[in-house]
Amino acid sequence: LNTDLSVPFPILNGIKQGCVLAPTLFTIFFSMMLKQALQDFDDDDAVYIRYRLDGSLFNLRRLQAHTKTLDQLIRELLFADDAALLAHTERALQRITSCFTDAAQLFGLEVSLKKTVVLHQPAPKEDHHPPHITIGETEL
């Protein structure tokens, strides 16, 4: 609209705050960090969800059939700069947490210990034993 240009300035590191490219570039950056973190993680320790694409989304009985269902591996859930890590066992959760923390440090990010929590969801009729997950010397 306006043909006036600002005085040129060098961008030596990062991008300007509020740049429309910031979310996309951070997503690419975060994806590469996750790829590094999860490169040696065993798929057996991750969580699988079973789903169908032919309707009746909330009819759990239809998910018992193996013919029209699909399984999807899920290790992490992401939103903006937040991440939730998923695992079936305490050992696997500690491993994925450690791998994630190491990769974050490698990429210049820091996991906020004040904002990090562990949620344990036991299987039905299973006793609840809170997991002991640590980052460094800090138990979450």
C-alpha atoms as a PDB file:
ATOM      1  CA  LEU A   1       0.000   0.000   0.000  1.00  0.00           C
ATOM      2  CA  ASN A   2       2.624   2.483   1.098  1.00  0.00           C
ATOM      3  CA  THR A   3       5.855   2.624  -0.880  1.00  0.00           C
ATOM      4  CA  ASP A   4       7.953   4.100   1.939  1.00  0.00           C
ATOM      5  CA  LEU A   5      10.699   1.767   3.131  1.00  0.00           C
ATOM      6  CA  SER A   6      12.407   1.686   6.495  1.00  0.00           C
ATOM      7  CA  VAL A   7      16.134   1.989   6.880  1.00  0.00           C
ATOM      8  CA  PRO A   8      17.682  -1.453   6.268  1.00  0.00           C
ATOM      9  CA  PHE A   9      19.018  -3.293   9.311  1.00  0.00           C
ATOM     10  CA  PRO A  10      20.857  -6.602   9.658  1.00  0.00           C
ATOM     11  CA  ILE A  11      19.182  -9.594  11.281  1.00  0.00           C
ATOM     12  CA  LEU A  12      22.007 -11.588  12.795  1.00  0.00           C
ATOM     13  CA  ASN A  13      20.057 -14.043  14.920  1.00  0.00           C
ATOM     14  CA  GLY A  14      16.400 -15.028  14.989  1.00  0.00           C
ATOM     15  CA  ILE A  15      13.574 -12.938  13.613  1.00  0.00           C
ATOM     16  CA  LYS A  16      11.827  -9.775  14.684  1.00  0.00           C
ATOM     17  CA  GLN A  17       9.190 -10.141  17.389  1.00  0.00           C
ATOM     18  CA  GLY A  18       5.725 -10.349  15.863  1.00  0.00           C
ATOM     19  CA  CYS A  19       6.973 -11.565  12.484  1.00  0.00           C
ATOM     20  CA  VAL A  20       4.279 -13.591  10.711  1.00  0.00           C
ATOM     21  CA  LEU A  21       6.867 -16.262   9.922  1.00  0.00           C
ATOM     22  CA  ALA A  22       7.670 -16.866  13.609  1.00  0.00           C
ATOM     23  CA  PRO A  23       5.090 -19.629  14.267  1.00  0.00           C
ATOM     24  CA  THR A  24       6.022 -21.512  11.099  1.00  0.00           C
ATOM     25  CA  LEU A  25       9.755 -21.225  11.696  1.00  0.00           C
ATOM     26  CA  PHE A  26       9.384 -22.281  15.335  1.00  0.00           C
ATOM     27  CA  THR A  27       7.331 -25.299  14.247  1.00  0.00           C
ATOM     28  CA  ILE A  28      10.098 -26.349  11.851  1.00  0.00           C
ATOM     29  CA  PHE A  29      12.737 -25.772  14.543  1.00  0.00           C
ATOM     30  CA  PHE A  30      10.725 -27.683  17.172  1.00  0.00           C
ATOM     31  CA  SER A  31      10.080 -30.546  14.721  1.00  0.00           C
ATOM     32  CA  MET A  32      13.806 -30.962  14.165  1.00  0.00           C
ATOM     33  CA  MET A  33      14.420 -30.898  17.918  1.00  0.00           C
ATOM     34  CA  LEU A  34      11.772 -33.620  18.393  1.00  0.00           C
ATOM     35  CA  LYS A  35      13.291 -35.678  15.589  1.00  0.00           C
ATOM     36  CA  GLN A  36      16.618 -35.525  17.432  1.00  0.00           C
ATOM     37  CA  ALA A  37      14.989 -36.357  20.776  1.00  0.00           C
ATOM     38  CA  LEU A  38      13.017 -39.349  19.528  1.00  0.00           C
ATOM     39  CA  GLN A  39      15.418 -40.841  16.993  1.00  0.00           C
ATOM     40  CA  ASP A  40      16.326 -43.833  19.173  1.00  0.00           C
ATOM     41  CA  PHE A  41      13.045 -44.149  21.046  1.00  0.00           C
ATOM     42  CA  ASP A  42      11.430 -47.589  20.833  1.00  0.00           C
ATOM     43  CA  ASP A  43       7.949 -47.607  19.267  1.00  0.00           C
ATOM     44  CA  ASP A  44       6.840 -50.293  21.740  1.00  0.00           C
ATOM     45  CA  ASP A  45       7.099 -47.753  24.564  1.00  0.00           C
ATOM     46  CA  ALA A  46       4.869 -45.213  22.824  1.00  0.00           C
ATOM     47  CA  VAL A  47       1.090 -44.966  22.932  1.00  0.00           C
ATOM     48  CA  TYR A  48      -1.085 -46.180  20.092  1.00  0.00           C
ATOM     49  CA  ILE A  49      -4.623 -45.015  19.479  1.00  0.00           C
ATOM     50  CA  ARG A  50      -7.114 -47.023  17.468  1.00  0.00           C
ATOM     51  CA  TYR A  51      -9.649 -45.225  15.319  1.00  0.00           C
ATOM     52  CA  ARG A  52     -12.077 -45.625  12.439  1.00  0.00           C
ATOM     53  CA  LEU A  53     -12.944 -43.230   9.671  1.00  0.00           C
ATOM     54  CA  ASP A  54     -16.392 -44.569   8.820  1.00  0.00           C
ATOM     55  CA  GLY A  55     -18.495 -42.700  11.392  1.00  0.00           C
ATOM     56  CA  SER A  56     -19.709 -43.417  14.916  1.00  0.00           C
ATOM     57  CA  LEU A  57     -16.618 -41.836  16.433  1.00  0.00           C
ATOM     58  CA  PHE A  58     -17.672 -42.426  20.032  1.00  0.00           C
ATOM     59  CA  ASN A  59     -18.966 -45.981  19.621  1.00  0.00           C
ATOM     60  CA  LEU A  60     -16.140 -47.779  21.451  1.00  0.00           C
ATOM     61  CA  ARG A  61     -17.537 -51.196  20.612  1.00  0.00           C
ATOM     62  CA  ARG A  62     -16.756 -50.632  16.939  1.00  0.00           C
ATOM     63  CA  LEU A  63     -13.071 -50.149  17.827  1.00  0.00           C
ATOM     64  CA  GLN A  64     -12.816 -53.755  19.027  1.00  0.00           C
ATOM     65  CA  ALA A  65     -13.006 -54.986  15.445  1.00  0.00           C
ATOM     66  CA  HIS A  66      -9.630 -55.112  13.740  1.00  0.00           C
ATOM     67  CA  THR A  67     -10.962 -54.988  10.210  1.00  0.00           C
ATOM     68  CA  LYS A  68     -11.865 -51.347   9.654  1.00  0.00           C
ATOM     69  CA  THR A  69      -9.670 -49.812  12.328  1.00  0.00           C
ATOM     70  CA  LEU A  70      -6.359 -47.993  12.057  1.00  0.00           C
ATOM     71  CA  ASP A  71      -3.663 -47.653  14.724  1.00  0.00           C
ATOM     72  CA  GLN A  72      -1.633 -44.478  15.086  1.00  0.00           C
ATOM     73  CA  LEU A  73       1.575 -44.137  17.092  1.00  0.00           C
ATOM     74  CA  ILE A  74       1.637 -41.082  19.366  1.00  0.00           C
ATOM     75  CA  ARG A  75       4.704 -40.045  21.340  1.00  0.00           C
ATOM     76  CA  GLU A  76       3.954 -36.385  21.842  1.00  0.00           C
ATOM     77  CA  LEU A  77       1.121 -33.875  21.727  1.00  0.00           C
ATOM     78  CA  LEU A  78       2.076 -30.339  20.713  1.00  0.00           C
ATOM     79  CA  PHE A  79       0.467 -26.921  20.942  1.00  0.00           C
ATOM     80  CA  ALA A  80       2.486 -23.780  20.173  1.00  0.00           C
ATOM     81  CA  ASP A  81       5.583 -24.121  22.374  1.00  0.00           C
ATOM     82  CA  ASP A  82       4.059 -26.667  24.772  1.00  0.00           C
ATOM     83  CA  ALA A  83       4.596 -30.409  24.551  1.00  0.00           C
ATOM     84  CA  ALA A  84       3.070 -33.433  26.276  1.00  0.00           C
ATOM     85  CA  LEU A  85       5.124 -36.639  26.165  1.00  0.00           C
ATOM     86  CA  LEU A  86       3.333 -40.005  26.223  1.00  0.00           C
ATOM     87  CA  ALA A  87       4.500 -43.441  27.341  1.00  0.00           C
ATOM     88  CA  HIS A  88       3.067 -46.694  28.711  1.00  0.00           C
ATOM     89  CA  THR A  89       5.596 -47.311  31.466  1.00  0.00           C
ATOM     90  CA  GLU A  90       7.454 -45.234  34.032  1.00  0.00           C
ATOM     91  CA  ARG A  91      10.762 -46.385  32.535  1.00  0.00           C
ATOM     92  CA  ALA A  92       9.689 -45.290  29.057  1.00  0.00           C
ATOM     93  CA  LEU A  93       8.417 -41.946  30.354  1.00  0.00           C
ATOM     94  CA  GLN A  94      11.728 -41.270  32.108  1.00  0.00           C
ATOM     95  CA  ARG A  95      13.603 -42.167  28.938  1.00  0.00           C
ATOM     96  CA  ILE A  96      11.507 -39.970  26.646  1.00  0.00           C
ATOM     97  CA  THR A  97      11.690 -37.106  29.172  1.00  0.00           C
ATOM     98  CA  SER A  98      15.478 -37.393  29.362  1.00  0.00           C
ATOM     99  CA  CYS A  99      15.833 -37.592  25.574  1.00  0.00           C
ATOM    100  CA  PHE A 100      13.532 -34.584  25.151  1.00  0.00           C
ATOM    101  CA  THR A 101      15.452 -32.542  27.744  1.00  0.00           C
ATOM    102  CA  ASP A 102      18.829 -33.424  26.197  1.00  0.00           C
ATOM    103  CA  ALA A 103      17.630 -32.473  22.708  1.00  0.00           C
ATOM    104  CA  ALA A 104      16.126 -29.223  23.991  1.00  0.00           C
ATOM    105  CA  GLN A 105      19.482 -28.269  25.526  1.00  0.00           C
ATOM    106  CA  LEU A 106      21.273 -29.221  22.312  1.00  0.00           C
ATOM    107  CA  PHE A 107      18.968 -26.851  20.405  1.00  0.00           C
ATOM    108  CA  GLY A 108      19.348 -24.036  22.932  1.00  0.00           C
ATOM    109  CA  LEU A 109      15.970 -24.509  24.617  1.00  0.00           C
ATOM    110  CA  GLU A 110      15.284 -24.990  28.312  1.00  0.00           C
ATOM    111  CA  VAL A 111      12.536 -27.136  29.830  1.00  0.00           C
ATOM    112  CA  SER A 112      10.720 -25.078  32.456  1.00  0.00           C
ATOM    113  CA  LEU A 113      10.721 -27.185  35.613  1.00  0.00           C
ATOM    114  CA  LYS A 114       8.096 -24.916  37.197  1.00  0.00           C
ATOM    115  CA  LYS A 115       5.658 -25.629  34.358  1.00  0.00           C
ATOM    116  CA  THR A 116       6.449 -29.327  33.923  1.00  0.00           C
ATOM    117  CA  VAL A 117       4.169 -31.904  35.542  1.00  0.00           C
ATOM    118  CA  VAL A 118       3.651 -35.659  35.324  1.00  0.00           C
ATOM    119  CA  LEU A 119       0.174 -37.104  34.855  1.00  0.00           C
ATOM    120  CA  HIS A 120      -0.245 -40.824  35.469  1.00  0.00           C
ATOM    121  CA  GLN A 121      -3.407 -42.487  34.182  1.00  0.00           C
ATOM    122  CA  PRO A 122      -3.550 -46.108  35.364  1.00  0.00           C
ATOM    123  CA  ALA A 123      -5.517 -48.707  33.459  1.00  0.00           C
ATOM    124  CA  PRO A 124      -8.975 -49.558  34.820  1.00  0.00           C
ATOM    125  CA  LYS A 125      -8.812 -51.625  38.034  1.00  0.00           C
ATOM    126  CA  GLU A 126      -5.065 -50.976  38.322  1.00  0.00           C
ATOM    127  CA  ASP A 127      -3.561 -49.509  41.488  1.00  0.00           C
ATOM    128  CA  HIS A 128      -2.319 -45.947  41.267  1.00  0.00           C
ATOM    129  CA  HIS A 129       1.395 -45.580  41.963  1.00  0.00           C
ATOM    130  CA  PRO A 130       2.683 -42.076  41.198  1.00  0.00           C
ATOM    131  CA  PRO A 131       5.685 -42.291  38.866  1.00  0.00           C
ATOM    132  CA  HIS A 132       9.027 -40.800  39.887  1.00  0.00           C
ATOM    133  CA  ILE A 133      10.238 -38.852  36.860  1.00  0.00           C
ATOM    134  CA  THR A 134      13.256 -36.570  37.090  1.00  0.00           C
ATOM    135  CA  ILE A 135      14.907 -33.905  34.995  1.00  0.00           C
ATOM    136  CA  GLY A 136      18.471 -33.610  36.187  1.00  0.00           C
ATOM    137  CA  GLU A 137      18.289 -33.747  39.968  1.00  0.00           C
ATOM    138  CA  THR A 138      14.711 -32.441  40.127  1.00  0.00           C
ATOM    139  CA  GLU A 139      11.812 -34.851  40.607  1.00  0.00           C
ATOM    140  CA  LEU A 140       8.683 -33.694  38.820  1.00  0.00           C
END
